[in-house]
C-alpha atoms as a PDB file:
ATOM      1  CA  UNK A   1     -47.473  29.872  62.812  1.00  0.00           C
ATOM      2  CA  UNK A   2     -48.282  26.263  63.757  1.00  0.00           C
ATOM      3  CA  UNK A   3     -44.926  25.968  65.512  1.00  0.00           C
ATOM      4  CA  UNK A   4     -45.722  28.960  67.703  1.00  0.00           C
ATOM      5  CA  UNK A   5     -49.085  27.373  68.585  1.00  0.00           C
ATOM      6  CA  UNK A   6     -47.292  24.167  69.570  1.00  0.00           C
ATOM      7  CA  UNK A   7     -45.038  26.185  71.884  1.00  0.00           C
ATOM      8  CA  UNK A   8     -47.963  28.092  73.387  1.00  0.00           C
ATOM      9  CA  UNK A   9     -50.107  25.004  73.948  1.00  0.00           C
ATOM     10  CA  UNK A  10     -47.112  23.099  75.328  1.00  0.00           C
ATOM     11  CA  UNK A  11     -46.514  25.844  77.879  1.00  0.00           C
ATOM     12  CA  UNK A  12     -50.166  25.840  78.924  1.00  0.00           C
ATOM     13  CA  UNK A  13     -50.067  22.056  79.358  1.00  0.00           C
ATOM     14  CA  UNK A  14     -46.878  22.222  81.411  1.00  0.00           C
ATOM     15  CA  UNK A  15     -47.959  25.080  83.661  1.00  0.00           C
ATOM     16  CA  UNK A  16     -51.702  24.442  84.093  1.00  0.00           C
ATOM     17  CA  UNK A  17     -52.427  20.740  83.426  1.00  0.00           C
ATOM     18  CA  UNK A  18     -55.307  20.312  85.884  1.00  0.00           C
ATOM     19  CA  UNK A  19     -57.148  23.425  84.746  1.00  0.00           C
ATOM     20  CA  UNK A  20     -56.708  22.499  81.075  1.00  0.00           C
ATOM     21  CA  UNK A  21     -58.039  18.966  81.604  1.00  0.00           C
ATOM     22  CA  UNK A  22     -61.006  20.361  83.534  1.00  0.00           C
ATOM     23  CA  UNK A  23     -61.886  22.875  80.796  1.00  0.00           C
ATOM     24  CA  UNK A  24     -61.457  20.416  77.926  1.00  0.00           C
ATOM     25  CA  UNK A  25     -63.529  17.784  79.740  1.00  0.00           C
ATOM     26  CA  UNK A  26     -66.363  20.277  80.199  1.00  0.00           C
ATOM     27  CA  UNK A  27     -66.170  21.153  76.497  1.00  0.00           C
ATOM     28  CA  UNK A  28     -65.958  17.581  75.222  1.00  0.00           C
ATOM     29  CA  UNK A  29     -68.703  15.916  77.280  1.00  0.00           C
ATOM     30  CA  UNK A  30     -72.285  16.897  77.989  1.00  0.00           C
ATOM     31  CA  UNK A  31     -71.886  16.008  81.667  1.00  0.00           C
ATOM     32  CA  UNK A  32     -68.224  16.981  81.868  1.00  0.00           C
ATOM     33  CA  UNK A  33     -68.651  18.865  85.124  1.00  0.00           C
ATOM     34  CA  UNK A  34     -69.571  15.599  86.854  1.00  0.00           C
ATOM     35  CA  UNK A  35     -66.515  13.694  85.591  1.00  0.00           C
ATOM     36  CA  UNK A  36     -63.178  13.476  87.369  1.00  0.00           C
ATOM     37  CA  UNK A  37     -59.860  12.696  85.735  1.00  0.00           C
ATOM     38  CA  UNK A  38     -57.660   9.804  86.834  1.00  0.00           C
ATOM     39  CA  UNK A  39     -54.652  10.663  88.990  1.00  0.00           C
ATOM     40  CA  UNK A  40     -52.169   9.969  86.186  1.00  0.00           C
ATOM     41  CA  UNK A  41     -53.829  12.487  83.864  1.00  0.00           C
ATOM     42  CA  UNK A  42     -51.829  15.428  85.241  1.00  0.00           C
ATOM     43  CA  UNK A  43     -48.539  13.670  84.507  1.00  0.00           C
ATOM     44  CA  UNK A  44     -49.674  12.629  81.032  1.00  0.00           C
ATOM     45  CA  UNK A  45     -50.740  16.193  80.254  1.00  0.00           C
ATOM     46  CA  UNK A  46     -47.381  17.562  81.376  1.00  0.00           C
ATOM     47  CA  UNK A  47     -45.493  14.990  79.279  1.00  0.00           C
ATOM     48  CA  UNK A  48     -47.583  15.892  76.235  1.00  0.00           C
ATOM     49  CA  UNK A  49     -46.908  19.576  76.916  1.00  0.00           C
ATOM     50  CA  UNK A  50     -43.165  18.938  77.090  1.00  0.00           C
ATOM     51  CA  UNK A  51     -43.270  17.086  73.762  1.00  0.00           C
ATOM     52  CA  UNK A  52     -45.279  19.878  72.116  1.00  0.00           C
ATOM     53  CA  UNK A  53     -42.898  22.480  73.521  1.00  0.00           C
ATOM     54  CA  UNK A  54     -39.853  20.562  72.294  1.00  0.00           C
ATOM     55  CA  UNK A  55     -41.280  20.041  68.807  1.00  0.00           C
ATOM     56  CA  UNK A  56     -42.425  23.638  68.527  1.00  0.00           C
ATOM     57  CA  UNK A  57     -39.114  25.099  69.646  1.00  0.00           C
ATOM     58  CA  UNK A  58     -37.173  22.682  67.461  1.00  0.00           C
ATOM     59  CA  UNK A  59     -39.281  23.694  64.466  1.00  0.00           C
ATOM     60  CA  UNK A  60     -38.890  27.380  65.209  1.00  0.00           C
ATOM     61  CA  UNK A  61     -35.106  27.044  65.525  1.00  0.00           C
ATOM     62  CA  UNK A  62     -34.822  25.010  62.331  1.00  0.00           C
ATOM     63  CA  UNK A  63     -37.101  27.433  60.512  1.00  0.00           C
ATOM     64  CA  UNK A  64     -34.848  30.372  61.392  1.00  0.00           C
ATOM     65  CA  UNK A  65     -31.743  28.410  60.351  1.00  0.00           C
ATOM     66  CA  UNK A  66     -33.239  27.671  56.948  1.00  0.00           C
ATOM     67  CA  UNK A  67     -33.997  31.353  56.366  1.00  0.00           C
ATOM     68  CA  UNK A  68     -30.348  32.360  56.785  1.00  0.00           C
END
């Protein structure tokens, strides 16, 4: 289950990094709507998404191999 969540969250980070950062900033800070992210934040979010996607898919593939 956690592996599937890694894959899902990784995809969201890869496809919609700016929107995700905007939503999480609004959730995390009281005045989040007034804050702006640095220019490198989009790239960092995509890299994190790629890592999550890789780890999730790797875990899912290994999990199915172990079942056989």
